Amino acid sequence: MATTRVSLARQQLSDTGLTAAYSPATTDGHAVENNGKVILHVKNDSDTDVNVTIRSGYAVNGLKLADRIVTVAAHTAVFIGPLDTSIYNQTDGLAGQVAIDYSAVDGVTIAALLMP
């Protein structure tokens, strides 16, 4: 049975400031609309490192580019992006979106930030 990814809303950055809202990581993963100006902010408040996988949507002649795996150490946060549309946007049922997976979800939150 295929999993259903949870849609992650983009939040517009601006020179007036943004108090980002964070969503908990989910075992089914997230999907976020991507125009090439999306940056992910992942916070890991757990006691163990977590791998965040940004699925590659890029394929040529049946060869797929490897997924990007970013390790977020325990009790740290990282920014990932901006996410290139030609590499990370999916071409299947998630066309125009980036697919995000997590090796663990406890204590992990994420925000999708959209650059102007």
N, C-alpha and C. Protein backbone atom coordinates (compact mmCIF):
# COMPACT_ATOMS: atom_id res chain seq x y z
N MET A 1 0.83 -1.17 0.00
CA MET A 1 0.00 0.00 0.00
C MET A 1 0.89 1.25 0.00
N ALA A 2 0.63 2.15 -0.89
CA ALA A 2 1.41 3.39 -0.98
C ALA A 2 1.07 4.32 0.18
N THR A 3 2.08 5.03 0.64
CA THR A 3 1.83 6.00 1.71
C THR A 3 1.38 7.32 1.11
N THR A 4 0.68 8.08 1.92
CA THR A 4 0.24 9.40 1.51
C THR A 4 1.06 10.43 2.26
N ARG A 5 1.81 11.20 1.51
CA ARG A 5 2.63 12.24 2.13
C ARG A 5 1.76 13.37 2.67
N VAL A 6 2.24 13.99 3.71
CA VAL A 6 1.56 15.13 4.30
C VAL A 6 2.05 16.39 3.60
N SER A 7 1.12 17.20 3.13
CA SER A 7 1.47 18.45 2.46
C SER A 7 2.02 19.44 3.46
N LEU A 8 3.12 20.07 3.10
CA LEU A 8 3.78 21.06 3.95
C LEU A 8 3.61 22.43 3.30
N ALA A 9 3.00 23.36 4.02
CA ALA A 9 2.76 24.70 3.47
C ALA A 9 4.05 25.53 3.46
N ARG A 10 4.23 26.28 2.39
CA ARG A 10 5.37 27.20 2.30
C ARG A 10 5.04 28.48 3.05
N GLN A 11 6.06 29.06 3.69
CA GLN A 11 5.89 30.31 4.43
C GLN A 11 6.79 31.36 3.80
N GLN A 12 6.20 32.48 3.44
CA GLN A 12 6.90 33.53 2.71
C GLN A 12 7.85 34.32 3.63
N LEU A 13 9.13 34.33 3.28
CA LEU A 13 10.09 35.19 3.97
C LEU A 13 9.93 36.62 3.47
N SER A 14 10.17 37.59 4.34
CA SER A 14 10.10 38.98 3.90
C SER A 14 10.99 39.84 4.79
N ASP A 15 11.22 41.07 4.35
CA ASP A 15 12.06 41.99 5.14
C ASP A 15 11.33 42.51 6.37
N THR A 16 10.04 42.19 6.51
CA THR A 16 9.31 42.58 7.73
C THR A 16 9.39 41.50 8.79
N GLY A 17 9.98 40.35 8.44
CA GLY A 17 10.18 39.27 9.40
C GLY A 17 9.14 38.17 9.26
N LEU A 18 9.50 37.00 9.75
CA LEU A 18 8.61 35.85 9.73
C LEU A 18 8.85 35.03 11.00
N THR A 19 7.80 34.76 11.72
CA THR A 19 7.86 33.80 12.82
C THR A 19 7.37 32.49 12.23
N ALA A 20 8.31 31.61 11.92
CA ALA A 20 7.97 30.38 11.22
C ALA A 20 7.16 29.44 12.09
N ALA A 21 6.23 28.74 11.45
CA ALA A 21 5.47 27.69 12.10
C ALA A 21 6.08 26.35 11.67
N TYR A 22 6.30 25.47 12.63
CA TYR A 22 6.94 24.18 12.37
C TYR A 22 5.93 23.06 12.45
N SER A 23 6.08 22.09 11.56
CA SER A 23 5.23 20.91 11.55
C SER A 23 6.05 19.71 12.02
N PRO A 24 5.41 18.79 12.74
CA PRO A 24 6.14 17.60 13.17
C PRO A 24 6.45 16.70 11.97
N ALA A 25 7.62 16.07 11.99
CA ALA A 25 7.96 15.09 10.96
C ALA A 25 6.95 13.94 11.03
N THR A 26 6.65 13.35 9.89
CA THR A 26 5.70 12.24 9.84
C THR A 26 6.34 11.00 9.24
N THR A 27 5.88 9.85 9.65
CA THR A 27 6.43 8.60 9.12
C THR A 27 6.13 8.44 7.63
N ASP A 28 5.06 9.07 7.15
CA ASP A 28 4.72 9.01 5.72
C ASP A 28 5.49 10.05 4.90
N GLY A 29 6.22 10.94 5.55
CA GLY A 29 6.98 11.97 4.85
C GLY A 29 6.14 13.18 4.50
N HIS A 30 6.81 14.18 3.96
CA HIS A 30 6.16 15.42 3.56
C HIS A 30 6.33 15.64 2.06
N ALA A 31 5.48 16.49 1.52
CA ALA A 31 5.61 16.99 0.15
C ALA A 31 5.38 18.49 0.21
N VAL A 32 6.21 19.24 -0.53
CA VAL A 32 6.06 20.69 -0.55
C VAL A 32 6.22 21.19 -1.98
N GLU A 33 5.33 22.11 -2.37
CA GLU A 33 5.42 22.72 -3.70
C GLU A 33 6.75 23.47 -3.80
N ASN A 34 7.43 23.31 -4.94
CA ASN A 34 8.76 23.90 -5.08
C ASN A 34 8.90 24.67 -6.40
N ASN A 35 9.29 25.94 -6.27
CA ASN A 35 9.56 26.77 -7.45
C ASN A 35 11.04 27.12 -7.56
N GLY A 36 11.88 26.43 -6.79
CA GLY A 36 13.32 26.69 -6.81
C GLY A 36 13.76 27.68 -5.75
N LYS A 37 12.80 28.22 -4.98
CA LYS A 37 13.11 29.20 -3.95
C LYS A 37 12.72 28.70 -2.56
N VAL A 38 12.59 27.38 -2.43
CA VAL A 38 12.20 26.79 -1.15
C VAL A 38 13.44 26.38 -0.36
N ILE A 39 13.43 26.74 0.91
CA ILE A 39 14.48 26.34 1.86
C ILE A 39 13.77 25.63 3.01
N LEU A 40 14.30 24.48 3.38
CA LEU A 40 13.74 23.74 4.51
C LEU A 40 14.56 24.04 5.75
N HIS A 41 13.87 24.22 6.89
CA HIS A 41 14.55 24.36 8.17
C HIS A 41 14.10 23.19 9.03
N VAL A 42 15.04 22.30 9.34
CA VAL A 42 14.73 21.09 10.09
C VAL A 42 15.38 21.19 11.46
N LYS A 43 14.55 20.99 12.50
CA LYS A 43 15.04 21.01 13.88
C LYS A 43 14.93 19.61 14.47
N ASN A 44 16.00 19.16 15.10
CA ASN A 44 16.03 17.84 15.72
C ASN A 44 16.24 18.02 17.22
N ASP A 45 15.17 17.90 18.00
CA ASP A 45 15.25 18.03 19.45
C ASP A 45 15.39 16.68 20.14
N SER A 46 15.65 15.62 19.36
CA SER A 46 15.80 14.29 19.95
C SER A 46 17.25 14.08 20.41
N ASP A 47 17.47 12.93 21.02
CA ASP A 47 18.81 12.59 21.52
C ASP A 47 19.65 11.82 20.51
N THR A 48 19.11 11.58 19.31
CA THR A 48 19.85 10.85 18.28
C THR A 48 19.84 11.62 16.97
N ASP A 49 20.84 11.37 16.14
CA ASP A 49 20.91 11.98 14.82
C ASP A 49 19.76 11.46 13.96
N VAL A 50 19.29 12.30 13.04
CA VAL A 50 18.21 11.94 12.12
C VAL A 50 18.66 12.25 10.70
N ASN A 51 18.39 11.33 9.78
CA ASN A 51 18.66 11.58 8.37
C ASN A 51 17.40 12.09 7.70
N VAL A 52 17.54 13.21 7.01
CA VAL A 52 16.44 13.77 6.23
C VAL A 52 16.78 13.50 4.77
N THR A 53 15.89 12.82 4.07
CA THR A 53 16.12 12.47 2.67
C THR A 53 15.25 13.34 1.78
N ILE A 54 15.92 14.07 0.88
CA ILE A 54 15.22 14.86 -0.12
C ILE A 54 15.28 14.01 -1.39
N ARG A 55 14.14 13.51 -1.82
CA ARG A 55 14.09 12.59 -2.95
C ARG A 55 14.40 13.31 -4.26
N SER A 56 15.27 12.71 -5.05
CA SER A 56 15.57 13.24 -6.37
C SER A 56 14.47 12.85 -7.33
N GLY A 57 14.09 13.79 -8.16
CA GLY A 57 13.11 13.49 -9.21
C GLY A 57 13.77 13.46 -10.57
N TYR A 58 15.10 13.64 -10.60
CA TYR A 58 15.85 13.77 -11.85
C TYR A 58 16.23 12.40 -12.40
N ALA A 59 15.86 12.16 -13.65
CA ALA A 59 16.24 10.91 -14.31
C ALA A 59 16.45 11.19 -15.80
N VAL A 60 17.48 10.54 -16.36
CA VAL A 60 17.76 10.65 -17.78
C VAL A 60 18.02 9.24 -18.31
N ASN A 61 17.34 8.86 -19.37
CA ASN A 61 17.50 7.54 -19.98
C ASN A 61 17.40 6.41 -18.97
N GLY A 62 16.48 6.54 -18.05
CA GLY A 62 16.25 5.50 -17.07
C GLY A 62 17.20 5.51 -15.89
N LEU A 63 18.14 6.43 -15.85
CA LEU A 63 19.07 6.53 -14.72
C LEU A 63 18.62 7.65 -13.81
N LYS A 64 18.48 7.33 -12.52
CA LYS A 64 18.00 8.31 -11.55
C LYS A 64 19.16 8.84 -10.72
N LEU A 65 19.16 10.15 -10.51
CA LEU A 65 20.15 10.78 -9.65
C LEU A 65 19.86 10.35 -8.21
N ALA A 66 20.90 10.11 -7.44
CA ALA A 66 20.74 9.69 -6.05
C ALA A 66 20.03 10.75 -5.23
N ASP A 67 19.31 10.30 -4.21
CA ASP A 67 18.63 11.21 -3.30
C ASP A 67 19.66 11.95 -2.46
N ARG A 68 19.29 13.13 -1.97
CA ARG A 68 20.14 13.92 -1.07
C ARG A 68 19.79 13.52 0.36
N ILE A 69 20.78 13.08 1.13
CA ILE A 69 20.56 12.73 2.53
C ILE A 69 21.36 13.70 3.39
N VAL A 70 20.64 14.39 4.28
CA VAL A 70 21.26 15.38 5.17
C VAL A 70 21.09 14.89 6.59
N THR A 71 22.20 14.76 7.31
CA THR A 71 22.14 14.34 8.70
C THR A 71 21.95 15.56 9.59
N VAL A 72 20.94 15.49 10.44
CA VAL A 72 20.69 16.55 11.41
C VAL A 72 21.05 15.96 12.78
N ALA A 73 22.15 16.45 13.33
CA ALA A 73 22.63 15.92 14.61
C ALA A 73 21.63 16.19 15.72
N ALA A 74 21.72 15.39 16.77
CA ALA A 74 20.84 15.55 17.92
C ALA A 74 20.95 16.96 18.47
N HIS A 75 19.82 17.55 18.81
CA HIS A 75 19.72 18.88 19.43
C HIS A 75 20.33 19.99 18.58
N THR A 76 20.19 19.86 17.24
CA THR A 76 20.64 20.91 16.33
C THR A 76 19.55 21.18 15.30
N ALA A 77 19.82 22.14 14.43
CA ALA A 77 18.92 22.47 13.33
C ALA A 77 19.75 22.78 12.10
N VAL A 78 19.20 22.49 10.93
CA VAL A 78 19.90 22.79 9.68
C VAL A 78 18.93 23.42 8.68
N PHE A 79 19.50 24.22 7.79
CA PHE A 79 18.77 24.74 6.63
C PHE A 79 19.18 23.88 5.44
N ILE A 80 18.21 23.53 4.60
CA ILE A 80 18.48 22.74 3.38
C ILE A 80 17.86 23.49 2.22
N GLY A 81 18.67 23.84 1.24
CA GLY A 81 18.14 24.51 0.05
C GLY A 81 18.91 25.77 -0.26
N PRO A 82 18.46 26.51 -1.27
CA PRO A 82 17.23 26.32 -2.03
C PRO A 82 17.29 25.03 -2.86
N LEU A 83 16.11 24.50 -3.17
CA LEU A 83 15.98 23.21 -3.83
C LEU A 83 15.74 23.39 -5.32
N ASP A 84 16.72 22.99 -6.11
CA ASP A 84 16.68 23.12 -7.56
C ASP A 84 15.52 22.29 -8.13
N THR A 85 14.66 22.92 -8.91
CA THR A 85 13.48 22.23 -9.45
C THR A 85 13.86 21.08 -10.38
N SER A 86 14.92 21.22 -11.16
CA SER A 86 15.28 20.17 -12.12
C SER A 86 15.86 18.93 -11.44
N ILE A 87 16.30 19.08 -10.20
CA ILE A 87 16.86 17.94 -9.47
C ILE A 87 15.84 17.32 -8.52
N TYR A 88 15.13 18.14 -7.76
CA TYR A 88 14.32 17.63 -6.66
C TYR A 88 12.82 17.53 -6.93
N ASN A 89 12.29 18.28 -7.90
CA ASN A 89 10.86 18.18 -8.16
C ASN A 89 10.52 16.80 -8.73
N GLN A 90 9.47 16.22 -8.20
CA GLN A 90 9.03 14.90 -8.64
C GLN A 90 8.26 15.03 -9.95
N THR A 91 8.23 13.94 -10.70
CA THR A 91 7.55 13.94 -11.99
C THR A 91 6.38 12.97 -12.01
N ASP A 92 6.13 12.31 -10.88
CA ASP A 92 5.02 11.36 -10.80
C ASP A 92 3.78 12.06 -10.25
N GLY A 93 3.05 11.44 -9.37
CA GLY A 93 1.85 12.02 -8.78
C GLY A 93 2.12 13.25 -7.93
N LEU A 94 3.40 13.52 -7.64
CA LEU A 94 3.78 14.70 -6.86
C LEU A 94 4.42 15.76 -7.76
N ALA A 95 4.05 15.79 -9.02
CA ALA A 95 4.68 16.72 -9.97
C ALA A 95 4.72 18.14 -9.41
N GLY A 96 5.91 18.75 -9.50
CA GLY A 96 6.09 20.12 -9.02
C GLY A 96 6.34 20.22 -7.53
N GLN A 97 6.45 19.06 -6.87
CA GLN A 97 6.68 19.06 -5.43
C GLN A 97 7.96 18.30 -5.09
N VAL A 98 8.48 18.61 -3.92
CA VAL A 98 9.64 17.91 -3.38
C VAL A 98 9.13 16.90 -2.35
N ALA A 99 9.70 15.70 -2.36
CA ALA A 99 9.34 14.65 -1.42
C ALA A 99 10.43 14.56 -0.34
N ILE A 100 10.01 14.56 0.92
CA ILE A 100 10.93 14.58 2.06
C ILE A 100 10.61 13.41 2.97
N ASP A 101 11.64 12.65 3.34
CA ASP A 101 11.48 11.51 4.25
C ASP A 101 12.42 11.66 5.44
N TYR A 102 12.12 10.94 6.52
CA TYR A 102 12.88 11.03 7.76
C TYR A 102 13.23 9.63 8.26
N SER A 103 14.45 9.47 8.80
CA SER A 103 14.84 8.17 9.36
C SER A 103 14.18 7.96 10.72
N ALA A 104 13.78 9.01 11.39
CA ALA A 104 13.05 8.97 12.66
C ALA A 104 12.24 10.26 12.74
N VAL A 105 11.16 10.24 13.51
CA VAL A 105 10.30 11.42 13.56
C VAL A 105 10.16 12.03 14.95
N ASP A 106 10.47 11.30 15.99
CA ASP A 106 10.32 11.82 17.35
C ASP A 106 11.23 13.01 17.58
N GLY A 107 10.64 14.14 17.96
CA GLY A 107 11.40 15.34 18.26
C GLY A 107 11.87 16.13 17.04
N VAL A 108 11.41 15.74 15.84
CA VAL A 108 11.85 16.40 14.60
C VAL A 108 10.71 17.26 14.07
N THR A 109 11.02 18.53 13.76
CA THR A 109 10.05 19.44 13.17
C THR A 109 10.66 20.10 11.94
N ILE A 110 9.79 20.61 11.07
CA ILE A 110 10.25 21.19 9.81
C ILE A 110 9.39 22.38 9.43
N ALA A 111 10.03 23.36 8.78
CA ALA A 111 9.33 24.49 8.18
C ALA A 111 9.84 24.65 6.77
N ALA A 112 8.93 24.93 5.84
CA ALA A 112 9.29 25.21 4.44
C ALA A 112 9.22 26.71 4.25
N LEU A 113 10.36 27.32 3.97
CA LEU A 113 10.46 28.77 3.83
C LEU A 113 10.60 29.12 2.36
N LEU A 114 9.88 30.13 1.93
CA LEU A 114 9.90 30.55 0.52
C LEU A 114 10.59 31.90 0.40
N MET A 115 11.71 31.92 -0.32
CA MET A 115 12.42 33.17 -0.54
C MET A 115 11.64 34.05 -1.52
N PRO A 116 11.71 35.38 -1.32
CA PRO A 116 11.02 36.29 -2.25
C PRO A 116 11.61 36.20 -3.65
